[in-house]
Amino acid sequence: MRSALLEVKGVTRVQVSLETSEAIVTYDPPATTQAMISAVAAAAPVGPLPYKATVKVAPQPGGSGR
């Protein structure tokens, strides 16, 4: 999954956790969340359970914290 995400133009860093089934991705334009979801879905092995991807947006550093 990490390799697939790093191939998306604009992705600069990927940290994958197998324990939580999450990836933390740092990116700039032209990367989009849809491009990242598509890349991961294409790289996911075919199996009996459907693959589900969701996106969580992290707060920006230096935010007000509200």
PDB file of N, CA and C in Angstrom:
ATOM      1  N   MET A   1       0.817  -1.178   0.000  1.00  0.00           N
ATOM      2  CA  MET A   1       0.000   0.000   0.000  1.00  0.00           C
ATOM      3  C   MET A   1       0.868   1.253   0.000  1.00  0.00           C
ATOM      4  N   ARG A   2       1.946   1.209   0.782  1.00  0.00           N
ATOM      5  CA  ARG A   2       2.835   2.367   0.857  1.00  0.00           C
ATOM      6  C   ARG A   2       3.378   2.711  -0.522  1.00  0.00           C
ATOM      7  N   SER A   3       3.836   1.703  -1.251  1.00  0.00           N
ATOM      8  CA  SER A   3       4.386   1.940  -2.586  1.00  0.00           C
ATOM      9  C   SER A   3       3.340   2.532  -3.531  1.00  0.00           C
ATOM     10  N   ALA A   4       2.117   2.022  -3.455  1.00  0.00           N
ATOM     11  CA  ALA A   4       1.051   2.528  -4.322  1.00  0.00           C
ATOM     12  C   ALA A   4       0.765   3.996  -4.012  1.00  0.00           C
ATOM     13  N   LEU A   5       0.749   4.355  -2.744  1.00  0.00           N
ATOM     14  CA  LEU A   5       0.492   5.746  -2.373  1.00  0.00           C
ATOM     15  C   LEU A   5       1.639   6.658  -2.791  1.00  0.00           C
ATOM     16  N   LEU A   6       2.871   6.196  -2.659  1.00  0.00           N
ATOM     17  CA  LEU A   6       4.020   7.011  -3.036  1.00  0.00           C
ATOM     18  C   LEU A   6       4.088   7.260  -4.541  1.00  0.00           C
ATOM     19  N   GLU A   7       3.419   6.431  -5.329  1.00  0.00           N
ATOM     20  CA  GLU A   7       3.396   6.630  -6.775  1.00  0.00           C
ATOM     21  C   GLU A   7       2.416   7.725  -7.206  1.00  0.00           C
ATOM     22  N   VAL A   8       1.537   8.153  -6.313  1.00  0.00           N
ATOM     23  CA  VAL A   8       0.595   9.231  -6.637  1.00  0.00           C
ATOM     24  C   VAL A   8       1.376  10.541  -6.633  1.00  0.00           C
ATOM     25  N   LYS A   9       1.320  11.255  -7.751  1.00  0.00           N
ATOM     26  CA  LYS A   9       2.048  12.518  -7.884  1.00  0.00           C
ATOM     27  C   LYS A   9       1.579  13.508  -6.820  1.00  0.00           C
ATOM     28  N   GLY A  10       2.514  14.032  -6.053  1.00  0.00           N
ATOM     29  CA  GLY A  10       2.209  14.977  -4.986  1.00  0.00           C
ATOM     30  C   GLY A  10       2.324  14.376  -3.599  1.00  0.00           C
ATOM     31  N   VAL A  11       2.298  13.042  -3.489  1.00  0.00           N
ATOM     32  CA  VAL A  11       2.445  12.386  -2.183  1.00  0.00           C
ATOM     33  C   VAL A  11       3.921  12.446  -1.797  1.00  0.00           C
ATOM     34  N   THR A  12       4.192  12.961  -0.600  1.00  0.00           N
ATOM     35  CA  THR A  12       5.578  13.133  -0.168  1.00  0.00           C
ATOM     36  C   THR A  12       5.985  12.197   0.966  1.00  0.00           C
ATOM     37  N   ARG A  13       5.009  11.683   1.716  1.00  0.00           N
ATOM     38  CA  ARG A  13       5.333  10.807   2.851  1.00  0.00           C
ATOM     39  C   ARG A  13       4.151   9.902   3.140  1.00  0.00           C
ATOM     40  N   VAL A  14       4.454   8.627   3.467  1.00  0.00           N
ATOM     41  CA  VAL A  14       3.408   7.667   3.814  1.00  0.00           C
ATOM     42  C   VAL A  14       3.876   6.846   5.002  1.00  0.00           C
ATOM     43  N   GLN A  15       3.023   6.758   6.013  1.00  0.00           N
ATOM     44  CA  GLN A  15       3.283   5.913   7.179  1.00  0.00           C
ATOM     45  C   GLN A  15       2.095   4.969   7.308  1.00  0.00           C
ATOM     46  N   VAL A  16       2.342   3.664   7.227  1.00  0.00           N
ATOM     47  CA  VAL A  16       1.278   2.670   7.260  1.00  0.00           C
ATOM     48  C   VAL A  16       1.316   1.920   8.579  1.00  0.00           C
ATOM     49  N   SER A  17       0.145   1.717   9.189  1.00  0.00           N
ATOM     50  CA  SER A  17       0.016   0.924  10.404  1.00  0.00           C
ATOM     51  C   SER A  17      -0.846  -0.294  10.092  1.00  0.00           C
ATOM     52  N   LEU A  18      -0.261  -1.471  10.166  1.00  0.00           N
ATOM     53  CA  LEU A  18      -1.028  -2.695   9.940  1.00  0.00           C
ATOM     54  C   LEU A  18      -1.958  -2.985  11.114  1.00  0.00           C
ATOM     55  N   GLU A  19      -1.570  -2.552  12.321  1.00  0.00           N
ATOM     56  CA  GLU A  19      -2.398  -2.791  13.501  1.00  0.00           C
ATOM     57  C   GLU A  19      -3.735  -2.059  13.413  1.00  0.00           C
ATOM     58  N   THR A  20      -3.704  -0.825  12.922  1.00  0.00           N
ATOM     59  CA  THR A  20      -4.930  -0.024  12.849  1.00  0.00           C
ATOM     60  C   THR A  20      -5.538   0.008  11.449  1.00  0.00           C
ATOM     61  N   SER A  21      -4.858  -0.611  10.495  1.00  0.00           N
ATOM     62  CA  SER A  21      -5.306  -0.604   9.079  1.00  0.00           C
ATOM     63  C   SER A  21      -5.464   0.826   8.565  1.00  0.00           C
ATOM     64  N   GLU A  22      -4.512   1.675   8.911  1.00  0.00           N
ATOM     65  CA  GLU A  22      -4.550   3.063   8.487  1.00  0.00           C
ATOM     66  C   GLU A  22      -3.230   3.462   7.850  1.00  0.00           C
ATOM     67  N   ALA A  23      -3.317   4.461   6.985  1.00  0.00           N
ATOM     68  CA  ALA A  23      -2.126   5.076   6.409  1.00  0.00           C
ATOM     69  C   ALA A  23      -2.220   6.573   6.654  1.00  0.00           C
ATOM     70  N   ILE A  24      -1.131   7.156   7.084  1.00  0.00           N
ATOM     71  CA  ILE A  24      -1.050   8.603   7.244  1.00  0.00           C
ATOM     72  C   ILE A  24      -0.243   9.111   6.060  1.00  0.00           C
ATOM     73  N   VAL A  25      -0.854   9.999   5.291  1.00  0.00           N
ATOM     74  CA  VAL A  25      -0.251  10.460   4.043  1.00  0.00           C
ATOM     75  C   VAL A  25      -0.054  11.975   4.097  1.00  0.00           C
ATOM     76  N   THR A  26       1.153  12.404   3.768  1.00  0.00           N
ATOM     77  CA  THR A  26       1.445  13.823   3.616  1.00  0.00           C
ATOM     78  C   THR A  26       1.505  14.093   2.122  1.00  0.00           C
ATOM     79  N   TYR A  27       0.763  15.104   1.668  1.00  0.00           N
ATOM     80  CA  TYR A  27       0.719  15.354   0.229  1.00  0.00           C
ATOM     81  C   TYR A  27       0.445  16.821  -0.076  1.00  0.00           C
ATOM     82  N   ASP A  28       0.760  17.182  -1.297  1.00  0.00           N
ATOM     83  CA  ASP A  28       0.510  18.505  -1.845  1.00  0.00           C
ATOM     84  C   ASP A  28      -0.206  18.313  -3.182  1.00  0.00           C
ATOM     85  N   PRO A  29      -0.836  19.366  -3.705  1.00  0.00           N
ATOM     86  CA  PRO A  29      -1.400  19.260  -5.048  1.00  0.00           C
ATOM     87  C   PRO A  29      -0.292  18.846  -6.009  1.00  0.00           C
ATOM     88  N   PRO A  30      -0.560  18.037  -6.971  1.00  0.00           N
ATOM     89  CA  PRO A  30      -1.847  17.693  -7.542  1.00  0.00           C
ATOM     90  C   PRO A  30      -2.491  16.450  -6.942  1.00  0.00           C
ATOM     91  N   ALA A  31      -1.936  15.888  -5.868  1.00  0.00           N
ATOM     92  CA  ALA A  31      -2.527  14.693  -5.255  1.00  0.00           C
ATOM     93  C   ALA A  31      -3.926  15.018  -4.735  1.00  0.00           C
ATOM     94  N   THR A  32      -4.840  14.069  -4.913  1.00  0.00           N
ATOM     95  CA  THR A  32      -6.199  14.204  -4.392  1.00  0.00           C
ATOM     96  C   THR A  32      -6.526  12.968  -3.576  1.00  0.00           C
ATOM     97  N   THR A  33      -7.496  13.101  -2.694  1.00  0.00           N
ATOM     98  CA  THR A  33      -7.886  11.936  -1.907  1.00  0.00           C
ATOM     99  C   THR A  33      -8.427  10.839  -2.820  1.00  0.00           C
ATOM    100  N   GLN A  34      -9.143  11.211  -3.875  1.00  0.00           N
ATOM    101  CA  GLN A  34      -9.671  10.197  -4.790  1.00  0.00           C
ATOM    102  C   GLN A  34      -8.543   9.446  -5.494  1.00  0.00           C
ATOM    103  N   ALA A  35      -7.483  10.139  -5.883  1.00  0.00           N
ATOM    104  CA  ALA A  35      -6.338   9.484  -6.523  1.00  0.00           C
ATOM    105  C   ALA A  35      -5.671   8.499  -5.570  1.00  0.00           C
ATOM    106  N   MET A  36      -5.579   8.877  -4.287  1.00  0.00           N
ATOM    107  CA  MET A  36      -4.967   7.985  -3.301  1.00  0.00           C
ATOM    108  C   MET A  36      -5.847   6.767  -3.037  1.00  0.00           C
ATOM    109  N   ILE A  37      -7.151   6.977  -2.914  1.00  0.00           N
ATOM    110  CA  ILE A  37      -8.073   5.854  -2.709  1.00  0.00           C
ATOM    111  C   ILE A  37      -8.011   4.900  -3.896  1.00  0.00           C
ATOM    112  N   SER A  38      -7.985   5.438  -5.103  1.00  0.00           N
ATOM    113  CA  SER A  38      -7.911   4.601  -6.309  1.00  0.00           C
ATOM    114  C   SER A  38      -6.612   3.805  -6.346  1.00  0.00           C
ATOM    115  N   ALA A  39      -5.500   4.435  -5.971  1.00  0.00           N
ATOM    116  CA  ALA A  39      -4.203   3.753  -5.978  1.00  0.00           C
ATOM    117  C   ALA A  39      -4.190   2.596  -4.986  1.00  0.00           C
ATOM    118  N   VAL A  40      -4.731   2.812  -3.799  1.00  0.00           N
ATOM    119  CA  VAL A  40      -4.770   1.760  -2.784  1.00  0.00           C
ATOM    120  C   VAL A  40      -5.718   0.643  -3.213  1.00  0.00           C
ATOM    121  N   ALA A  41      -6.871   1.001  -3.758  1.00  0.00           N
ATOM    122  CA  ALA A  41      -7.831  -0.015  -4.200  1.00  0.00           C
ATOM    123  C   ALA A  41      -7.238  -0.877  -5.312  1.00  0.00           C
ATOM    124  N   ALA A  42      -6.483  -0.267  -6.215  1.00  0.00           N
ATOM    125  CA  ALA A  42      -5.865  -1.021  -7.310  1.00  0.00           C
ATOM    126  C   ALA A  42      -4.771  -1.955  -6.795  1.00  0.00           C
ATOM    127  N   ALA A  43      -4.107  -1.577  -5.710  1.00  0.00           N
ATOM    128  CA  ALA A  43      -3.026  -2.391  -5.162  1.00  0.00           C
ATOM    129  C   ALA A  43      -3.510  -3.437  -4.174  1.00  0.00           C
ATOM    130  N   ALA A  44      -4.758  -3.313  -3.707  1.00  0.00           N
ATOM    131  CA  ALA A  44      -5.286  -4.236  -2.698  1.00  0.00           C
ATOM    132  C   ALA A  44      -5.448  -5.633  -3.298  1.00  0.00           C
ATOM    133  N   PRO A  45      -5.057  -6.648  -2.551  1.00  0.00           N
ATOM    134  CA  PRO A  45      -5.248  -8.020  -3.034  1.00  0.00           C
ATOM    135  C   PRO A  45      -6.735  -8.352  -3.125  1.00  0.00           C
ATOM    136  N   VAL A  46      -7.056  -9.188  -4.089  1.00  0.00           N
ATOM    137  CA  VAL A  46      -8.441  -9.626  -4.249  1.00  0.00           C
ATOM    138  C   VAL A  46      -8.721 -10.690  -3.198  1.00  0.00           C
ATOM    139  N   GLY A  47      -9.822 -10.557  -2.490  1.00  0.00           N
ATOM    140  CA  GLY A  47     -10.149 -11.511  -1.448  1.00  0.00           C
ATOM    141  C   GLY A  47     -11.649 -11.597  -1.245  1.00  0.00           C
ATOM    142  N   PRO A  48     -12.071 -12.369  -0.251  1.00  0.00           N
ATOM    143  CA  PRO A  48     -13.501 -12.564  -0.030  1.00  0.00           C
ATOM    144  C   PRO A  48     -14.209 -11.336   0.549  1.00  0.00           C
ATOM    145  N   LEU A  49     -13.465 -10.440   1.176  1.00  0.00           N
ATOM    146  CA  LEU A  49     -14.085  -9.257   1.772  1.00  0.00           C
ATOM    147  C   LEU A  49     -13.836  -8.043   0.881  1.00  0.00           C
ATOM    148  N   PRO A  50     -14.847  -7.207   0.690  1.00  0.00           N
ATOM    149  CA  PRO A  50     -14.627  -6.005  -0.132  1.00  0.00           C
ATOM    150  C   PRO A  50     -13.712  -5.029   0.578  1.00  0.00           C
ATOM    151  N   TYR A  51     -12.965  -4.294  -0.188  1.00  0.00           N
ATOM    152  CA  TYR A  51     -12.060  -3.290   0.361  1.00  0.00           C
ATOM    153  C   TYR A  51     -12.838  -2.004   0.599  1.00  0.00           C
ATOM    154  N   LYS A  52     -12.595  -1.346   1.721  1.00  0.00           N
ATOM    155  CA  LYS A  52     -13.270  -0.098   2.039  1.00  0.00           C
ATOM    156  C   LYS A  52     -12.216   0.941   2.410  1.00  0.00           C
ATOM    157  N   ALA A  53     -12.250   2.084   1.740  1.00  0.00           N
ATOM    158  CA  ALA A  53     -11.321   3.165   2.039  1.00  0.00           C
ATOM    159  C   ALA A  53     -12.097   4.376   2.507  1.00  0.00           C
ATOM    160  N   THR A  54     -11.571   5.042   3.511  1.00  0.00           N
ATOM    161  CA  THR A  54     -12.152   6.285   3.990  1.00  0.00           C
ATOM    162  C   THR A  54     -11.025   7.293   4.185  1.00  0.00           C
ATOM    163  N   VAL A  55     -11.385   8.539   4.304  1.00  0.00           N
ATOM    164  CA  VAL A  55     -10.404   9.601   4.455  1.00  0.00           C
ATOM    165  C   VAL A  55     -10.714  10.377   5.728  1.00  0.00           C
ATOM    166  N   LYS A  56      -9.688  10.576   6.534  1.00  0.00           N
ATOM    167  CA  LYS A  56      -9.779  11.439   7.712  1.00  0.00           C
ATOM    168  C   LYS A  56      -8.814  12.591   7.476  1.00  0.00           C
ATOM    169  N   VAL A  57      -9.240  13.793   7.742  1.00  0.00           N
ATOM    170  CA  VAL A  57      -8.381  14.950   7.560  1.00  0.00           C
ATOM    171  C   VAL A  57      -7.820  15.363   8.913  1.00  0.00           C
ATOM    172  N   ALA A  58      -6.502  15.430   8.988  1.00  0.00           N
ATOM    173  CA  ALA A  58      -5.839  15.816  10.237  1.00  0.00           C
ATOM    174  C   ALA A  58      -5.824  17.331  10.359  1.00  0.00           C
ATOM    175  N   PRO A  59      -5.861  17.820  11.591  1.00  0.00           N
ATOM    176  CA  PRO A  59      -5.754  19.271  11.776  1.00  0.00           C
ATOM    177  C   PRO A  59      -4.393  19.755  11.286  1.00  0.00           C
ATOM    178  N   GLN A  60      -4.371  20.952  10.768  1.00  0.00           N
ATOM    179  CA  GLN A  60      -3.127  21.544  10.284  1.00  0.00           C
ATOM    180  C   GLN A  60      -2.272  22.012  11.461  1.00  0.00           C
ATOM    181  N   PRO A  61      -0.953  21.837  11.366  1.00  0.00           N
ATOM    182  CA  PRO A  61      -0.075  22.334  12.423  1.00  0.00           C
ATOM    183  C   PRO A  61      -0.239  23.843  12.593  1.00  0.00           C
ATOM    184  N   GLY A  62      -0.181  24.287  13.830  1.00  0.00           N
ATOM    185  CA  GLY A  62      -0.293  25.709  14.106  1.00  0.00           C
ATOM    186  C   GLY A  62      -1.714  26.222  14.126  1.00  0.00           C
ATOM    187  N   GLY A  63      -2.694  25.289  14.074  1.00  0.00           N
ATOM    188  CA  GLY A  63      -4.099  25.692  14.121  1.00  0.00           C
ATOM    189  C   GLY A  63      -4.476  26.202  15.491  1.00  0.00           C
ATOM    190  N   SER A  64      -5.666  26.729  15.589  1.00  0.00           N
ATOM    191  CA  SER A  64      -6.097  27.316  16.858  1.00  0.00           C
ATOM    192  C   SER A  64      -6.499  26.264  17.886  1.00  0.00           C
ATOM    193  N   GLY A  65      -6.720  25.024  17.424  1.00  0.00           N
ATOM    194  CA  GLY A  65      -7.089  23.959  18.350  1.00  0.00           C
ATOM    195  C   GLY A  65      -8.538  23.976  18.751  1.00  0.00           C
ATOM    196  N   ARG A  66      -9.348  24.790  18.079  1.00  0.00           N
ATOM    197  CA  ARG A  66     -10.775  24.866  18.405  1.00  0.00           C
ATOM    198  C   ARG A  66     -11.581  23.902  17.609  1.00  0.00           C
TER     199      ARG A  66
END
